[in-house]
Amino acid sequence: QVQLVESGGGLVQPGGSLRLSCAASGFNFSRFTMRWYRQAPGKEREFVADMLLIRGRRTYADSVKGRFTISRDNEKNILYLDMNNLKVEDTAVYYCKANYGSLNYWGQGTQVTVSS
């Protein structure tokens, strides 16, 4: 059974940091491209970051570039998102997604709220 379970969300003040995790099981994690998305209230889900298998190339949305870092541990089957200098506009539910060809798996999401 395929599972992606996000964790690490919470309430943080502007300028703070959080580390999100996405624990994967039920599929060959090391062969999948992994991505983070987020969805703020009343908005569409948007791309945040991904990490390709080829040379581990990372891509970030302009809004998070320089503040967020995506990484993965293929031994532990975990995807990470380190978020620094958080802003109020980063408030959203964060989702991880696994992709291999036509296969797409989503997690259930973890809430991140940035507020003073």
PDB file of N, CA and C in Angstrom:
ATOM      1  N   GLN A   1       0.845  -1.190   0.000  1.00  0.00           N
ATOM      2  CA  GLN A   1       0.000   0.000   0.000  1.00  0.00           C
ATOM      3  C   GLN A   1       0.880   1.241   0.000  1.00  0.00           C
ATOM      4  N   VAL A   2       0.646   2.105  -0.982  1.00  0.00           N
ATOM      5  CA  VAL A   2       1.421   3.326  -1.096  1.00  0.00           C
ATOM      6  C   VAL A   2       0.984   4.329  -0.045  1.00  0.00           C
ATOM      7  N   GLN A   3       1.971   4.903   0.631  1.00  0.00           N
ATOM      8  CA  GLN A   3       1.668   5.937   1.619  1.00  0.00           C
ATOM      9  C   GLN A   3       2.707   7.039   1.555  1.00  0.00           C
ATOM     10  N   LEU A   4       2.230   8.261   1.649  1.00  0.00           N
ATOM     11  CA  LEU A   4       3.069   9.439   1.833  1.00  0.00           C
ATOM     12  C   LEU A   4       2.485  10.183   3.028  1.00  0.00           C
ATOM     13  N   VAL A   5       3.282  10.329   4.060  1.00  0.00           N
ATOM     14  CA  VAL A   5       2.791  10.950   5.279  1.00  0.00           C
ATOM     15  C   VAL A   5       3.655  12.158   5.614  1.00  0.00           C
ATOM     16  N   GLU A   6       3.061  13.339   5.509  1.00  0.00           N
ATOM     17  CA  GLU A   6       3.767  14.572   5.843  1.00  0.00           C
ATOM     18  C   GLU A   6       3.662  14.850   7.344  1.00  0.00           C
ATOM     19  N   SER A   7       4.685  15.513   7.860  1.00  0.00           N
ATOM     20  CA  SER A   7       4.688  15.934   9.259  1.00  0.00           C
ATOM     21  C   SER A   7       5.611  17.132   9.409  1.00  0.00           C
ATOM     22  N   GLY A   8       5.556  17.759  10.570  1.00  0.00           N
ATOM     23  CA  GLY A   8       6.449  18.875  10.856  1.00  0.00           C
ATOM     24  C   GLY A   8       5.811  20.237  10.754  1.00  0.00           C
ATOM     25  N   GLY A   9       4.568  20.299  10.315  1.00  0.00           N
ATOM     26  CA  GLY A   9       3.889  21.582  10.234  1.00  0.00           C
ATOM     27  C   GLY A   9       3.562  22.129  11.610  1.00  0.00           C
ATOM     28  N   GLY A  10       3.088  23.360  11.618  1.00  0.00           N
ATOM     29  CA  GLY A  10       2.719  23.975  12.887  1.00  0.00           C
ATOM     30  C   GLY A  10       2.595  25.475  12.760  1.00  0.00           C
ATOM     31  N   LEU A  11       2.529  26.122  13.921  1.00  0.00           N
ATOM     32  CA  LEU A  11       2.416  27.573  13.991  1.00  0.00           C
ATOM     33  C   LEU A  11       3.798  28.156  14.282  1.00  0.00           C
ATOM     34  N   VAL A  12       4.208  29.122  13.492  1.00  0.00           N
ATOM     35  CA  VAL A  12       5.522  29.747  13.668  1.00  0.00           C
ATOM     36  C   VAL A  12       5.395  31.238  13.395  1.00  0.00           C
ATOM     37  N   GLN A  13       6.233  32.019  14.054  1.00  0.00           N
ATOM     38  CA  GLN A  13       6.224  33.464  13.845  1.00  0.00           C
ATOM     39  C   GLN A  13       6.968  33.829  12.569  1.00  0.00           C
ATOM     40  N   PRO A  14       6.634  34.967  11.987  1.00  0.00           N
ATOM     41  CA  PRO A  14       7.390  35.423  10.809  1.00  0.00           C
ATOM     42  C   PRO A  14       8.888  35.473  11.120  1.00  0.00           C
ATOM     43  N   GLY A  15       9.672  35.008  10.153  1.00  0.00           N
ATOM     44  CA  GLY A  15      11.115  34.925  10.351  1.00  0.00           C
ATOM     45  C   GLY A  15      11.583  33.609  10.928  1.00  0.00           C
ATOM     46  N   GLY A  16      10.655  32.786  11.357  1.00  0.00           N
ATOM     47  CA  GLY A  16      10.997  31.505  11.957  1.00  0.00           C
ATOM     48  C   GLY A  16      11.281  30.427  10.925  1.00  0.00           C
ATOM     49  N   SER A  17      11.526  29.222  11.437  1.00  0.00           N
ATOM     50  CA  SER A  17      11.890  28.096  10.583  1.00  0.00           C
ATOM     51  C   SER A  17      11.077  26.854  10.950  1.00  0.00           C
ATOM     52  N   LEU A  18      10.910  26.006   9.975  1.00  0.00           N
ATOM     53  CA  LEU A  18      10.286  24.703  10.176  1.00  0.00           C
ATOM     54  C   LEU A  18      10.946  23.708   9.227  1.00  0.00           C
ATOM     55  N   ARG A  19      10.919  22.445   9.628  1.00  0.00           N
ATOM     56  CA  ARG A  19      11.349  21.368   8.737  1.00  0.00           C
ATOM     57  C   ARG A  19      10.178  20.421   8.537  1.00  0.00           C
ATOM     58  N   LEU A  20       9.746  20.293   7.303  1.00  0.00           N
ATOM     59  CA  LEU A  20       8.705  19.333   6.960  1.00  0.00           C
ATOM     60  C   LEU A  20       9.346  18.025   6.519  1.00  0.00           C
ATOM     61  N   SER A  21       8.668  16.934   6.837  1.00  0.00           N
ATOM     62  CA  SER A  21       9.108  15.608   6.406  1.00  0.00           C
ATOM     63  C   SER A  21       7.974  14.921   5.673  1.00  0.00           C
ATOM     64  N   CYS A  22       8.332  14.057   4.760  1.00  0.00           N
ATOM     65  CA  CYS A  22       7.361  13.244   4.027  1.00  0.00           C
ATOM     66  C   CYS A  22       7.903  11.823   4.014  1.00  0.00           C
ATOM     67  N   ALA A  23       7.292  10.970   4.799  1.00  0.00           N
ATOM     68  CA  ALA A  23       7.730   9.568   4.895  1.00  0.00           C
ATOM     69  C   ALA A  23       6.996   8.739   3.865  1.00  0.00           C
ATOM     70  N   ALA A  24       7.759   8.018   3.046  1.00  0.00           N
ATOM     71  CA  ALA A  24       7.187   7.248   1.954  1.00  0.00           C
ATOM     72  C   ALA A  24       7.285   5.755   2.215  1.00  0.00           C
ATOM     73  N   SER A  25       6.282   5.020   1.756  1.00  0.00           N
ATOM     74  CA  SER A  25       6.303   3.567   1.852  1.00  0.00           C
ATOM     75  C   SER A  25       5.425   2.982   0.756  1.00  0.00           C
ATOM     76  N   GLY A  26       5.696   1.712   0.422  1.00  0.00           N
ATOM     77  CA  GLY A  26       4.859   1.017  -0.540  1.00  0.00           C
ATOM     78  C   GLY A  26       5.265   1.181  -1.995  1.00  0.00           C
ATOM     79  N   PHE A  27       6.373   1.878  -2.242  1.00  0.00           N
ATOM     80  CA  PHE A  27       6.869   2.018  -3.604  1.00  0.00           C
ATOM     81  C   PHE A  27       8.367   2.259  -3.545  1.00  0.00           C
ATOM     82  N   ASN A  28       9.022   2.172  -4.704  1.00  0.00           N
ATOM     83  CA  ASN A  28      10.466   2.330  -4.776  1.00  0.00           C
ATOM     84  C   ASN A  28      10.821   3.813  -4.755  1.00  0.00           C
ATOM     85  N   PHE A  29      10.953   4.337  -3.566  1.00  0.00           N
ATOM     86  CA  PHE A  29      11.138   5.778  -3.343  1.00  0.00           C
ATOM     87  C   PHE A  29      12.294   6.346  -4.154  1.00  0.00           C
ATOM     88  N   SER A  30      13.394   5.632  -4.212  1.00  0.00           N
ATOM     89  CA  SER A  30      14.603   6.171  -4.841  1.00  0.00           C
ATOM     90  C   SER A  30      14.446   6.387  -6.341  1.00  0.00           C
ATOM     91  N   ARG A  31      13.423   5.811  -6.945  1.00  0.00           N
ATOM     92  CA  ARG A  31      13.231   5.942  -8.388  1.00  0.00           C
ATOM     93  C   ARG A  31      12.230   7.026  -8.751  1.00  0.00           C
ATOM     94  N   PHE A  32      11.629   7.647  -7.742  1.00  0.00           N
ATOM     95  CA  PHE A  32      10.586   8.625  -7.988  1.00  0.00           C
ATOM     96  C   PHE A  32      11.134  10.048  -7.833  1.00  0.00           C
ATOM     97  N   THR A  33      10.668  10.935  -8.720  1.00  0.00           N
ATOM     98  CA  THR A  33      10.880  12.361  -8.525  1.00  0.00           C
ATOM     99  C   THR A  33       9.935  12.836  -7.431  1.00  0.00           C
ATOM    100  N   MET A  34      10.471  13.583  -6.497  1.00  0.00           N
ATOM    101  CA  MET A  34       9.674  14.041  -5.360  1.00  0.00           C
ATOM    102  C   MET A  34       9.496  15.543  -5.405  1.00  0.00           C
ATOM    103  N   ARG A  35       8.299  15.982  -5.074  1.00  0.00           N
ATOM    104  CA  ARG A  35       7.981  17.400  -5.125  1.00  0.00           C
ATOM    105  C   ARG A  35       7.191  17.830  -3.892  1.00  0.00           C
ATOM    106  N   TRP A  36       7.318  19.100  -3.590  1.00  0.00           N
ATOM    107  CA  TRP A  36       6.474  19.736  -2.571  1.00  0.00           C
ATOM    108  C   TRP A  36       5.548  20.730  -3.270  1.00  0.00           C
ATOM    109  N   TYR A  37       4.301  20.738  -2.819  1.00  0.00           N
ATOM    110  CA  TYR A  37       3.306  21.704  -3.254  1.00  0.00           C
ATOM    111  C   TYR A  37       2.683  22.323  -2.002  1.00  0.00           C
ATOM    112  N   ARG A  38       1.955  23.400  -2.211  1.00  0.00           N
ATOM    113  CA  ARG A  38       1.206  23.985  -1.109  1.00  0.00           C
ATOM    114  C   ARG A  38      -0.095  24.586  -1.633  1.00  0.00           C
ATOM    115  N   GLN A  39      -1.046  24.694  -0.717  1.00  0.00           N
ATOM    116  CA  GLN A  39      -2.335  25.269  -1.073  1.00  0.00           C
ATOM    117  C   GLN A  39      -2.789  26.161   0.071  1.00  0.00           C
ATOM    118  N   ALA A  40      -2.884  27.441  -0.243  1.00  0.00           N
ATOM    119  CA  ALA A  40      -3.367  28.414   0.736  1.00  0.00           C
ATOM    120  C   ALA A  40      -4.885  28.507   0.638  1.00  0.00           C
ATOM    121  N   PRO A  41      -5.535  28.968   1.702  1.00  0.00           N
ATOM    122  CA  PRO A  41      -7.005  29.078   1.690  1.00  0.00           C
ATOM    123  C   PRO A  41      -7.488  29.915   0.509  1.00  0.00           C
ATOM    124  N   GLY A  42      -8.433  29.381  -0.237  1.00  0.00           N
ATOM    125  CA  GLY A  42      -9.016  30.112  -1.348  1.00  0.00           C
ATOM    126  C   GLY A  42      -8.164  30.178  -2.595  1.00  0.00           C
ATOM    127  N   LYS A  43      -7.025  29.482  -2.572  1.00  0.00           N
ATOM    128  CA  LYS A  43      -6.123  29.507  -3.730  1.00  0.00           C
ATOM    129  C   LYS A  43      -5.911  28.109  -4.283  1.00  0.00           C
ATOM    130  N   GLU A  44      -5.394  28.044  -5.498  1.00  0.00           N
ATOM    131  CA  GLU A  44      -5.094  26.754  -6.099  1.00  0.00           C
ATOM    132  C   GLU A  44      -3.778  26.206  -5.534  1.00  0.00           C
ATOM    133  N   ARG A  45      -3.648  24.899  -5.627  1.00  0.00           N
ATOM    134  CA  ARG A  45      -2.411  24.268  -5.201  1.00  0.00           C
ATOM    135  C   ARG A  45      -1.275  24.722  -6.122  1.00  0.00           C
ATOM    136  N   GLU A  46      -0.128  25.039  -5.520  1.00  0.00           N
ATOM    137  CA  GLU A  46       0.987  25.532  -6.321  1.00  0.00           C
ATOM    138  C   GLU A  46       2.263  24.769  -6.021  1.00  0.00           C
ATOM    139  N   PHE A  47       3.110  24.719  -7.022  1.00  0.00           N
ATOM    140  CA  PHE A  47       4.410  24.073  -6.902  1.00  0.00           C
ATOM    141  C   PHE A  47       5.310  24.861  -5.951  1.00  0.00           C
ATOM    142  N   VAL A  48       6.059  24.138  -5.137  1.00  0.00           N
ATOM    143  CA  VAL A  48       7.017  24.771  -4.231  1.00  0.00           C
ATOM    144  C   VAL A  48       8.452  24.392  -4.605  1.00  0.00           C
ATOM    145  N   ALA A  49       8.718  23.085  -4.704  1.00  0.00           N
ATOM    146  CA  ALA A  49      10.089  22.651  -4.979  1.00  0.00           C
ATOM    147  C   ALA A  49      10.091  21.217  -5.457  1.00  0.00           C
ATOM    148  N   ASP A  50      11.107  20.871  -6.221  1.00  0.00           N
ATOM    149  CA  ASP A  50      11.293  19.461  -6.561  1.00  0.00           C
ATOM    150  C   ASP A  50      12.769  19.113  -6.625  1.00  0.00           C
ATOM    151  N   MET A  51      12.999  17.814  -6.614  1.00  0.00           N
ATOM    152  CA  MET A  51      14.362  17.305  -6.643  1.00  0.00           C
ATOM    153  C   MET A  51      14.384  16.150  -7.621  1.00  0.00           C
ATOM    154  N   LEU A  52      15.056  16.349  -8.739  1.00  0.00           N
ATOM    155  CA  LEU A  52      15.089  15.340  -9.780  1.00  0.00           C
ATOM    156  C   LEU A  52      16.115  14.262  -9.453  1.00  0.00           C
ATOM    157  N   LEU A  53      15.926  13.115 -10.066  1.00  0.00           N
ATOM    158  CA  LEU A  53      16.852  12.022  -9.848  1.00  0.00           C
ATOM    159  C   LEU A  53      18.179  12.270 -10.548  1.00  0.00           C
ATOM    160  N   ILE A  54      18.109  12.971 -11.684  1.00  0.00           N
ATOM    161  CA  ILE A  54      19.309  13.232 -12.469  1.00  0.00           C
ATOM    162  C   ILE A  54      20.140  14.295 -11.777  1.00  0.00           C
ATOM    163  N   ARG A  55      21.275  13.909 -11.263  1.00  0.00           N
ATOM    164  CA  ARG A  55      22.219  14.811 -10.578  1.00  0.00           C
ATOM    165  C   ARG A  55      21.592  15.517  -9.381  1.00  0.00           C
ATOM    166  N   GLY A  56      20.475  15.044  -8.931  1.00  0.00           N
ATOM    167  CA  GLY A  56      19.835  15.647  -7.774  1.00  0.00           C
ATOM    168  C   GLY A  56      19.471  17.102  -7.962  1.00  0.00           C
ATOM    169  N   ARG A  57      19.182  17.497  -9.210  1.00  0.00           N
ATOM    170  CA  ARG A  57      18.888  18.902  -9.485  1.00  0.00           C
ATOM    171  C   ARG A  57      17.638  19.348  -8.755  1.00  0.00           C
ATOM    172  N   ARG A  58      17.716  20.523  -8.164  1.00  0.00           N
ATOM    173  CA  ARG A  58      16.604  21.091  -7.398  1.00  0.00           C
ATOM    174  C   ARG A  58      16.038  22.304  -8.129  1.00  0.00           C
ATOM    175  N   THR A  59      14.729  22.446  -8.064  1.00  0.00           N
ATOM    176  CA  THR A  59      14.041  23.596  -8.644  1.00  0.00           C
ATOM    177  C   THR A  59      13.095  24.160  -7.593  1.00  0.00           C
ATOM    178  N   TYR A  60      13.022  25.482  -7.534  1.00  0.00           N
ATOM    179  CA  TYR A  60      12.186  26.142  -6.539  1.00  0.00           C
ATOM    180  C   TYR A  60      11.281  27.181  -7.197  1.00  0.00           C
ATOM    181  N   ALA A  61      10.107  27.360  -6.597  1.00  0.00           N
ATOM    182  CA  ALA A  61       9.270  28.483  -6.987  1.00  0.00           C
ATOM    183  C   ALA A  61       9.995  29.774  -6.608  1.00  0.00           C
ATOM    184  N   ASP A  62       9.791  30.808  -7.398  1.00  0.00           N
ATOM    185  CA  ASP A  62      10.469  32.084  -7.132  1.00  0.00           C
ATOM    186  C   ASP A  62      10.163  32.607  -5.734  1.00  0.00           C
ATOM    187  N   SER A  63       8.958  32.341  -5.268  1.00  0.00           N
ATOM    188  CA  SER A  63       8.523  32.883  -3.980  1.00  0.00           C
ATOM    189  C   SER A  63       9.275  32.284  -2.799  1.00  0.00           C
ATOM    190  N   VAL A  64       9.911  31.132  -2.987  1.00  0.00           N
ATOM    191  CA  VAL A  64      10.602  30.479  -1.866  1.00  0.00           C
ATOM    192  C   VAL A  64      12.099  30.348  -2.101  1.00  0.00           C
ATOM    193  N   LYS A  65      12.557  30.723  -3.275  1.00  0.00           N
ATOM    194  CA  LYS A  65      13.963  30.575  -3.623  1.00  0.00           C
ATOM    195  C   LYS A  65      14.842  31.333  -2.625  1.00  0.00           C
ATOM    196  N   GLY A  66      15.886  30.660  -2.155  1.00  0.00           N
ATOM    197  CA  GLY A  66      16.786  31.268  -1.183  1.00  0.00           C
ATOM    198  C   GLY A  66      16.346  31.099   0.258  1.00  0.00           C
ATOM    199  N   ARG A  67      15.126  30.649   0.479  1.00  0.00           N
ATOM    200  CA  ARG A  67      14.612  30.446   1.850  1.00  0.00           C
ATOM    201  C   ARG A  67      14.310  28.989   2.139  1.00  0.00           C
ATOM    202  N   PHE A  68      13.880  28.236   1.142  1.00  0.00           N
ATOM    203  CA  PHE A  68      13.508  26.826   1.315  1.00  0.00           C
ATOM    204  C   PHE A  68      14.560  25.937   0.663  1.00  0.00           C
ATOM    205  N   THR A  69      14.747  24.754   1.255  1.00  0.00           N
ATOM    206  CA  THR A  69      15.663  23.763   0.695  1.00  0.00           C
ATOM    207  C   THR A  69      15.005  22.388   0.715  1.00  0.00           C
ATOM    208  N   ILE A  70      14.961  21.758  -0.443  1.00  0.00           N
ATOM    209  CA  ILE A  70      14.421  20.403  -0.544  1.00  0.00           C
ATOM    210  C   ILE A  70      15.569  19.403  -0.498  1.00  0.00           C
ATOM    211  N   SER A  71      15.349  18.290   0.181  1.00  0.00           N
ATOM    212  CA  SER A  71      16.355  17.236   0.233  1.00  0.00           C
ATOM    213  C   SER A  71      15.643  15.909   0.433  1.00  0.00           C
ATOM    214  N   ARG A  72      16.391  14.829   0.257  1.00  0.00           N
ATOM    215  CA  ARG A  72      15.788  13.499   0.410  1.00  0.00           C
ATOM    216  C   ARG A  72      16.819  12.535   0.972  1.00  0.00           C
ATOM    217  N   ASP A  73      16.325  11.557   1.682  1.00  0.00           N
ATOM    218  CA  ASP A  73      17.159  10.476   2.216  1.00  0.00           C
ATOM    219  C   ASP A  73      16.615   9.182   1.641  1.00  0.00           C
ATOM    220  N   ASN A  74      17.305   8.654   0.634  1.00  0.00           N
ATOM    221  CA  ASN A  74      16.815   7.453  -0.042  1.00  0.00           C
ATOM    222  C   ASN A  74      17.000   6.194   0.804  1.00  0.00           C
ATOM    223  N   GLU A  75      17.795   6.282   1.855  1.00  0.00           N
ATOM    224  CA  GLU A  75      17.944   5.139   2.763  1.00  0.00           C
ATOM    225  C   GLU A  75      16.751   5.038   3.699  1.00  0.00           C
ATOM    226  N   LYS A  76      16.271   6.208   4.125  1.00  0.00           N
ATOM    227  CA  LYS A  76      15.150   6.233   5.060  1.00  0.00           C
ATOM    228  C   LYS A  76      13.805   6.452   4.360  1.00  0.00           C
ATOM    229  N   ASN A  77      13.847   6.696   3.046  1.00  0.00           N
ATOM    230  CA  ASN A  77      12.626   6.966   2.268  1.00  0.00           C
ATOM    231  C   ASN A  77      11.873   8.187   2.801  1.00  0.00           C
ATOM    232  N   ILE A  78      12.604   9.253   3.006  1.00  0.00           N
ATOM    233  CA  ILE A  78      12.014  10.484   3.532  1.00  0.00           C
ATOM    234  C   ILE A  78      12.415  11.662   2.652  1.00  0.00           C
ATOM    235  N   LEU A  79      11.449  12.505   2.382  1.00  0.00           N
ATOM    236  CA  LEU A  79      11.650  13.772   1.686  1.00  0.00           C
ATOM    237  C   LEU A  79      11.534  14.889   2.719  1.00  0.00           C
ATOM    238  N   TYR A  80      12.395  15.902   2.590  1.00  0.00           N
ATOM    239  CA  TYR A  80      12.392  17.009   3.537  1.00  0.00           C
ATOM    240  C   TYR A  80      12.159  18.336   2.819  1.00  0.00           C
ATOM    241  N   LEU A  81      11.663  19.288   3.593  1.00  0.00           N
ATOM    242  CA  LEU A  81      11.619  20.671   3.133  1.00  0.00           C
ATOM    243  C   LEU A  81      12.013  21.544   4.315  1.00  0.00           C
ATOM    244  N   ASP A  82      13.191  22.124   4.244  1.00  0.00           N
ATOM    245  CA  ASP A  82      13.639  23.064   5.260  1.00  0.00           C
ATOM    246  C   ASP A  82      13.199  24.461   4.861  1.00  0.00           C
ATOM    247  N   MET A  83      12.455  25.087   5.751  1.00  0.00           N
ATOM    248  CA  MET A  83      11.876  26.400   5.462  1.00  0.00           C
ATOM    249  C   MET A  83      12.416  27.413   6.458  1.00  0.00           C
ATOM    250  N   ASN A  84      13.091  28.419   5.947  1.00  0.00           N
ATOM    251  CA  ASN A  84      13.670  29.468   6.785  1.00  0.00           C
ATOM    252  C   ASN A  84      13.082  30.821   6.419  1.00  0.00           C
ATOM    253  N   ASN A  85      13.236  31.775   7.340  1.00  0.00           N
ATOM    254  CA  ASN A  85      12.727  33.127   7.115  1.00  0.00           C
ATOM    255  C   ASN A  85      11.285  33.090   6.616  1.00  0.00           C
ATOM    256  N   LEU A  86      10.459  32.364   7.337  1.00  0.00           N
ATOM    257  CA  LEU A  86       9.075  32.179   6.912  1.00  0.00           C
ATOM    258  C   LEU A  86       8.305  33.487   6.938  1.00  0.00           C
ATOM    259  N   LYS A  87       7.391  33.615   5.980  1.00  0.00           N
ATOM    260  CA  LYS A  87       6.572  34.806   5.842  1.00  0.00           C
ATOM    261  C   LYS A  87       5.095  34.430   6.007  1.00  0.00           C
ATOM    262  N   VAL A  88       4.299  35.434   6.315  1.00  0.00           N
ATOM    263  CA  VAL A  88       2.872  35.188   6.488  1.00  0.00           C
ATOM    264  C   VAL A  88       2.282  34.531   5.241  1.00  0.00           C
ATOM    265  N   GLU A  89       2.777  34.928   4.092  1.00  0.00           N
ATOM    266  CA  GLU A  89       2.244  34.385   2.833  1.00  0.00           C
ATOM    267  C   GLU A  89       2.666  32.946   2.563  1.00  0.00           C
ATOM    268  N   ASP A  90       3.497  32.375   3.419  1.00  0.00           N
ATOM    269  CA  ASP A  90       3.839  30.957   3.313  1.00  0.00           C
ATOM    270  C   ASP A  90       2.788  30.074   3.979  1.00  0.00           C
ATOM    271  N   THR A  91       1.830  30.679   4.650  1.00  0.00           N
ATOM    272  CA  THR A  91       0.773  29.921   5.305  1.00  0.00           C
ATOM    273  C   THR A  91      -0.010  29.109   4.279  1.00  0.00           C
ATOM    274  N   ALA A  92      -0.084  27.804   4.497  1.00  0.00           N
ATOM    275  CA  ALA A  92      -0.736  26.906   3.546  1.00  0.00           C
ATOM    276  C   ALA A  92      -0.684  25.486   4.089  1.00  0.00           C
ATOM    277  N   VAL A  93      -1.417  24.602   3.425  1.00  0.00           N
ATOM    278  CA  VAL A  93      -1.236  23.170   3.639  1.00  0.00           C
ATOM    279  C   VAL A  93      -0.178  22.713   2.643  1.00  0.00           C
ATOM    280  N   TYR A  94       0.834  22.031   3.151  1.00  0.00           N
ATOM    281  CA  TYR A  94       1.944  21.574   2.325  1.00  0.00           C
ATOM    282  C   TYR A  94       1.799  20.077   2.041  1.00  0.00           C
ATOM    283  N   TYR A  95       1.950  19.731   0.767  1.00  0.00           N
ATOM    284  CA  TYR A  95       1.787  18.359   0.307  1.00  0.00           C
ATOM    285  C   TYR A  95       3.064  17.871  -0.371  1.00  0.00           C
ATOM    286  N   CYS A  96       3.368  16.594  -0.197  1.00  0.00           N
ATOM    287  CA  CYS A  96       4.433  16.000  -0.991  1.00  0.00           C
ATOM    288  C   CYS A  96       3.795  15.130  -2.073  1.00  0.00           C
ATOM    289  N   LYS A  97       4.512  15.018  -3.164  1.00  0.00           N
ATOM    290  CA  LYS A  97       4.033  14.259  -4.313  1.00  0.00           C
ATOM    291  C   LYS A  97       5.175  13.429  -4.864  1.00  0.00           C
ATOM    292  N   ALA A  98       4.872  12.169  -5.185  1.00  0.00           N
ATOM    293  CA  ALA A  98       5.839  11.280  -5.812  1.00  0.00           C
ATOM    294  C   ALA A  98       5.406  11.027  -7.248  1.00  0.00           C
ATOM    295  N   ASN A  99       6.363  11.123  -8.163  1.00  0.00           N
ATOM    296  CA  ASN A  99       6.049  10.944  -9.578  1.00  0.00           C
ATOM    297  C   ASN A  99       7.064  10.036 -10.248  1.00  0.00           C
ATOM    298  N   TYR A 100       6.525   9.072 -11.033  1.00  0.00           N
ATOM    299  CA  TYR A 100       7.365   8.231 -11.888  1.00  0.00           C
ATOM    300  C   TYR A 100       6.549   7.906 -13.116  1.00  0.00           C
ATOM    301  N   GLY A 101       6.889   8.515 -14.226  1.00  0.00           N
ATOM    302  CA  GLY A 101       6.098   8.336 -15.437  1.00  0.00           C
ATOM    303  C   GLY A 101       4.673   8.810 -15.213  1.00  0.00           C
ATOM    304  N   SER A 102       3.715   7.914 -15.418  1.00  0.00           N
ATOM    305  CA  SER A 102       2.308   8.263 -15.238  1.00  0.00           C
ATOM    306  C   SER A 102       1.818   8.030 -13.811  1.00  0.00           C
ATOM    307  N   LEU A 103       2.694   7.566 -12.952  1.00  0.00           N
ATOM    308  CA  LEU A 103       2.334   7.309 -11.556  1.00  0.00           C
ATOM    309  C   LEU A 103       2.501   8.576 -10.739  1.00  0.00           C
ATOM    310  N   ASN A 104       1.466   8.936 -10.011  1.00  0.00           N
ATOM    311  CA  ASN A 104       1.496  10.101  -9.135  1.00  0.00           C
ATOM    312  C   ASN A 104       0.847   9.741  -7.804  1.00  0.00           C
ATOM    313  N   TYR A 105       1.580   9.980  -6.716  1.00  0.00           N
ATOM    314  CA  TYR A 105       1.057   9.726  -5.381  1.00  0.00           C
ATOM    315  C   TYR A 105       1.146  11.017  -4.574  1.00  0.00           C
ATOM    316  N   TRP A 106       0.093  11.265  -3.779  1.00  0.00           N
ATOM    317  CA  TRP A 106       0.041  12.466  -2.949  1.00  0.00           C
ATOM    318  C   TRP A 106      -0.080  12.092  -1.474  1.00  0.00           C
ATOM    319  N   GLY A 107       0.473  12.922  -0.636  1.00  0.00           N
ATOM    320  CA  GLY A 107       0.245  12.801   0.794  1.00  0.00           C
ATOM    321  C   GLY A 107      -1.007  13.560   1.188  1.00  0.00           C
ATOM    322  N   GLN A 108      -1.328  13.510   2.478  1.00  0.00           N
ATOM    323  CA  GLN A 108      -2.564  14.129   2.967  1.00  0.00           C
ATOM    324  C   GLN A 108      -2.362  15.587   3.354  1.00  0.00           C
ATOM    325  N   GLY A 109      -1.099  16.011   3.459  1.00  0.00           N
ATOM    326  CA  GLY A 109      -0.808  17.410   3.756  1.00  0.00           C
ATOM    327  C   GLY A 109      -0.531  17.684   5.227  1.00  0.00           C
ATOM    328  N   THR A 110       0.216  18.745   5.456  1.00  0.00           N
ATOM    329  CA  THR A 110       0.479  19.222   6.812  1.00  0.00           C
ATOM    330  C   THR A 110       0.331  20.744   6.813  1.00  0.00           C
ATOM    331  N   GLN A 111      -0.330  21.258   7.843  1.00  0.00           N
ATOM    332  CA  GLN A 111      -0.646  22.694   7.903  1.00  0.00           C
ATOM    333  C   GLN A 111       0.555  23.480   8.427  1.00  0.00           C
ATOM    334  N   VAL A 112       0.894  24.536   7.714  1.00  0.00           N
ATOM    335  CA  VAL A 112       1.899  25.496   8.167  1.00  0.00           C
ATOM    336  C   VAL A 112       1.216  26.847   8.296  1.00  0.00           C
ATOM    337  N   THR A 113       1.293  27.424   9.487  1.00  0.00           N
ATOM    338  CA  THR A 113       0.697  28.729   9.728  1.00  0.00           C
ATOM    339  C   THR A 113       1.781  29.672  10.234  1.00  0.00           C
ATOM    340  N   VAL A 114       1.961  30.771   9.517  1.00  0.00           N
ATOM    341  CA  VAL A 114       2.951  31.775   9.894  1.00  0.00           C
ATOM    342  C   VAL A 114       2.190  33.014  10.346  1.00  0.00           C
ATOM    343  N   SER A 115       2.315  33.309  11.624  1.00  0.00           N
ATOM    344  CA  SER A 115       1.552  34.408  12.192  1.00  0.00           C
ATOM    345  C   SER A 115       2.226  34.915  13.453  1.00  0.00           C
ATOM    346  N   SER A 116       2.086  36.207  13.691  1.00  0.00           N
ATOM    347  CA  SER A 116       2.614  36.789  14.925  1.00  0.00           C
ATOM    348  C   SER A 116       1.531  36.831  15.990  1.00  0.00           C
TER     349      SER A 116
END
